[in-house]
Amino acid sequence: MQSGKKTVKPTGTDWERVKRESADDAAIHFTTGSEPYDPNDAVAVAAYWAGATIKKGRGRPAVAIKRPTLNMRVDAEVLEAFKATGPGWQTRINQLLAAAVKRGLVKS
């Protein structure tokens, strides 16, 4: 979730050059022999991509035991305290709850 703040870190991109080249419809620079096709030649581009196939990645690795999704309400201070611990805060909540069950603090 974004905070709505604009970034002030410079990108290093020469945006004026980008605007100028896109406005002029300038040719794309390429090196013959080191690239699969001339990006300025519409026929070559179409021929190259005509044989393209889309490969689906494997996605997230499968887990042995899928944990169910839970929606619960907690005090704002509790949520902020866990989120402040950084990535993995939901896993830490699960670990604390599992430890409470193991100690007998929660009746099954």
C-alpha atoms as a PDB file:
ATOM      1  CA  MET A   1       0.000   0.000   0.000  1.00  0.00           C
ATOM      2  CA  GLN A   2       1.449   3.351  -0.987  1.00  0.00           C
ATOM      3  CA  SER A   3       1.467   6.258   1.395  1.00  0.00           C
ATOM      4  CA  GLY A   4       0.662   8.820  -1.291  1.00  0.00           C
ATOM      5  CA  LYS A   5       4.045  10.491  -0.895  1.00  0.00           C
ATOM      6  CA  LYS A   6       5.984  11.246  -4.038  1.00  0.00           C
ATOM      7  CA  THR A   7       9.454   9.808  -4.253  1.00  0.00           C
ATOM      8  CA  VAL A   8      12.262  12.332  -4.280  1.00  0.00           C
ATOM      9  CA  LYS A   9      15.010   9.885  -5.164  1.00  0.00           C
ATOM     10  CA  PRO A  10      16.311  10.649  -8.680  1.00  0.00           C
ATOM     11  CA  THR A  11      15.873   7.814 -11.175  1.00  0.00           C
ATOM     12  CA  GLY A  12      18.929   8.568 -13.287  1.00  0.00           C
ATOM     13  CA  THR A  13      16.750   8.565 -16.413  1.00  0.00           C
ATOM     14  CA  ASP A  14      17.095  11.463 -18.833  1.00  0.00           C
ATOM     15  CA  TRP A  15      13.345  12.069 -19.128  1.00  0.00           C
ATOM     16  CA  GLU A  16      13.784  15.011 -21.489  1.00  0.00           C
ATOM     17  CA  ARG A  17      15.638  12.739 -23.928  1.00  0.00           C
ATOM     18  CA  VAL A  18      12.940  10.081 -23.551  1.00  0.00           C
ATOM     19  CA  LYS A  19      10.208  12.621 -24.319  1.00  0.00           C
ATOM     20  CA  ARG A  20      12.177  14.020 -27.247  1.00  0.00           C
ATOM     21  CA  GLU A  21      12.852  10.624 -28.803  1.00  0.00           C
ATOM     22  CA  SER A  22       9.301   9.389 -28.341  1.00  0.00           C
ATOM     23  CA  ALA A  23       7.913  12.608 -29.815  1.00  0.00           C
ATOM     24  CA  ASP A  24      10.225  12.355 -32.823  1.00  0.00           C
ATOM     25  CA  ASP A  25       9.437   8.649 -33.263  1.00  0.00           C
ATOM     26  CA  ALA A  26      13.187   8.159 -33.357  1.00  0.00           C
ATOM     27  CA  ALA A  27      14.656   4.872 -34.521  1.00  0.00           C
ATOM     28  CA  ILE A  28      15.583   2.389 -31.811  1.00  0.00           C
ATOM     29  CA  HIS A  29      19.324   1.775 -31.663  1.00  0.00           C
ATOM     30  CA  PHE A  30      20.393  -1.823 -32.138  1.00  0.00           C
ATOM     31  CA  THR A  31      23.534  -3.720 -33.099  1.00  0.00           C
ATOM     32  CA  THR A  32      23.347  -6.061 -36.075  1.00  0.00           C
ATOM     33  CA  GLY A  33      24.270  -9.596 -35.118  1.00  0.00           C
ATOM     34  CA  SER A  34      23.969  -9.148 -31.377  1.00  0.00           C
ATOM     35  CA  GLU A  35      20.182  -8.822 -31.335  1.00  0.00           C
ATOM     36  CA  PRO A  36      17.568 -11.246 -32.705  1.00  0.00           C
ATOM     37  CA  TYR A  37      15.806  -8.723 -34.977  1.00  0.00           C
ATOM     38  CA  ASP A  38      15.746  -5.082 -36.068  1.00  0.00           C
ATOM     39  CA  PRO A  39      13.202  -3.363 -33.785  1.00  0.00           C
ATOM     40  CA  ASN A  40      12.693  -0.688 -36.468  1.00  0.00           C
ATOM     41  CA  ASP A  41      11.533  -3.228 -39.074  1.00  0.00           C
ATOM     42  CA  ALA A  42       7.856  -4.101 -38.503  1.00  0.00           C
ATOM     43  CA  VAL A  43       8.090  -7.243 -40.660  1.00  0.00           C
ATOM     44  CA  ALA A  44      11.123  -8.510 -38.714  1.00  0.00           C
ATOM     45  CA  VAL A  45       9.405  -7.785 -35.391  1.00  0.00           C
ATOM     46  CA  ALA A  46       6.235  -9.636 -36.451  1.00  0.00           C
ATOM     47  CA  ALA A  47       8.240 -12.601 -37.779  1.00  0.00           C
ATOM     48  CA  TYR A  48      10.260 -12.871 -34.572  1.00  0.00           C
ATOM     49  CA  TRP A  49       7.244 -12.747 -32.256  1.00  0.00           C
ATOM     50  CA  ALA A  50       5.066 -15.002 -34.456  1.00  0.00           C
ATOM     51  CA  GLY A  51       6.869 -18.035 -33.068  1.00  0.00           C
ATOM     52  CA  ALA A  52       6.781 -16.868 -29.472  1.00  0.00           C
ATOM     53  CA  THR A  53       5.212 -19.016 -26.782  1.00  0.00           C
ATOM     54  CA  ILE A  54       4.067 -17.967 -23.346  1.00  0.00           C
ATOM     55  CA  LYS A  55       5.566 -19.996 -20.543  1.00  0.00           C
ATOM     56  CA  LYS A  56       3.720 -20.057 -17.268  1.00  0.00           C
ATOM     57  CA  GLY A  57       6.005 -19.926 -14.245  1.00  0.00           C
ATOM     58  CA  ARG A  58       5.541 -22.406 -11.468  1.00  0.00           C
ATOM     59  CA  GLY A  59       4.293 -19.813  -8.981  1.00  0.00           C
ATOM     60  CA  ARG A  60       4.560 -20.275  -5.249  1.00  0.00           C
ATOM     61  CA  PRO A  61       5.927 -23.588  -4.089  1.00  0.00           C
ATOM     62  CA  ALA A  62       3.321 -26.031  -2.824  1.00  0.00           C
ATOM     63  CA  VAL A  63       3.103 -26.451   0.933  1.00  0.00           C
ATOM     64  CA  ALA A  64       2.571 -29.766   2.692  1.00  0.00           C
ATOM     65  CA  ILE A  65      -0.174 -28.428   4.953  1.00  0.00           C
ATOM     66  CA  LYS A  66      -2.177 -25.497   3.687  1.00  0.00           C
ATOM     67  CA  ARG A  67      -3.121 -23.132   6.469  1.00  0.00           C
ATOM     68  CA  PRO A  68      -6.634 -21.687   6.278  1.00  0.00           C
ATOM     69  CA  THR A  69      -7.129 -17.964   5.800  1.00  0.00           C
ATOM     70  CA  LEU A  70      -8.391 -16.111   8.864  1.00  0.00           C
ATOM     71  CA  ASN A  71      -9.937 -12.680   9.226  1.00  0.00           C
ATOM     72  CA  MET A  72      -9.895 -11.432  12.797  1.00  0.00           C
ATOM     73  CA  ARG A  73     -10.113  -8.162  14.653  1.00  0.00           C
ATOM     74  CA  VAL A  74      -7.360  -7.061  17.008  1.00  0.00           C
ATOM     75  CA  ASP A  75      -6.599  -3.804  18.767  1.00  0.00           C
ATOM     76  CA  ALA A  76      -4.847  -1.267  16.552  1.00  0.00           C
ATOM     77  CA  GLU A  77      -1.892  -1.105  18.968  1.00  0.00           C
ATOM     78  CA  VAL A  78      -1.406  -4.877  18.748  1.00  0.00           C
ATOM     79  CA  LEU A  79      -1.489  -4.843  14.958  1.00  0.00           C
ATOM     80  CA  GLU A  80       0.936  -1.925  14.707  1.00  0.00           C
ATOM     81  CA  ALA A  81       3.327  -3.561  17.177  1.00  0.00           C
ATOM     82  CA  PHE A  82       3.498  -6.738  15.071  1.00  0.00           C
ATOM     83  CA  LYS A  83       3.753  -4.854  11.769  1.00  0.00           C
ATOM     84  CA  ALA A  84       6.613  -2.807  13.230  1.00  0.00           C
ATOM     85  CA  THR A  85       8.635  -6.021  13.597  1.00  0.00           C
ATOM     86  CA  GLY A  86       8.923  -6.164   9.803  1.00  0.00           C
ATOM     87  CA  PRO A  87       8.313  -8.877   7.225  1.00  0.00           C
ATOM     88  CA  GLY A  88       7.019 -12.121   8.687  1.00  0.00           C
ATOM     89  CA  TRP A  89       4.831 -10.449  11.296  1.00  0.00           C
ATOM     90  CA  GLN A  90       1.862 -12.697  10.456  1.00  0.00           C
ATOM     91  CA  THR A  91       4.040 -15.783  10.889  1.00  0.00           C
ATOM     92  CA  ARG A  92       5.146 -14.482  14.298  1.00  0.00           C
ATOM     93  CA  ILE A  93       1.509 -14.082  15.360  1.00  0.00           C
ATOM     94  CA  ASN A  94       0.868 -17.687  14.291  1.00  0.00           C
ATOM     95  CA  GLN A  95       3.919 -18.870  16.259  1.00  0.00           C
ATOM     96  CA  LEU A  96       2.737 -17.089  19.412  1.00  0.00           C
ATOM     97  CA  LEU A  97      -0.759 -18.537  19.100  1.00  0.00           C
ATOM     98  CA  ALA A  98       0.641 -22.037  18.471  1.00  0.00           C
ATOM     99  CA  ALA A  99       2.857 -21.711  21.568  1.00  0.00           C
ATOM    100  CA  ALA A 100      -0.167 -20.655  23.646  1.00  0.00           C
ATOM    101  CA  VAL A 101      -2.097 -23.733  22.478  1.00  0.00           C
ATOM    102  CA  LYS A 102       0.894 -25.998  23.201  1.00  0.00           C
ATOM    103  CA  ARG A 103       1.229 -24.618  26.748  1.00  0.00           C
ATOM    104  CA  GLY A 104      -2.433 -25.277  27.414  1.00  0.00           C
ATOM    105  CA  LEU A 105      -3.375 -21.608  27.611  1.00  0.00           C
ATOM    106  CA  VAL A 106      -6.044 -22.251  24.986  1.00  0.00           C
ATOM    107  CA  LYS A 107      -8.451 -25.146  25.281  1.00  0.00           C
ATOM    108  CA  SER A 108      -8.830 -27.128  22.056  1.00  0.00           C
END
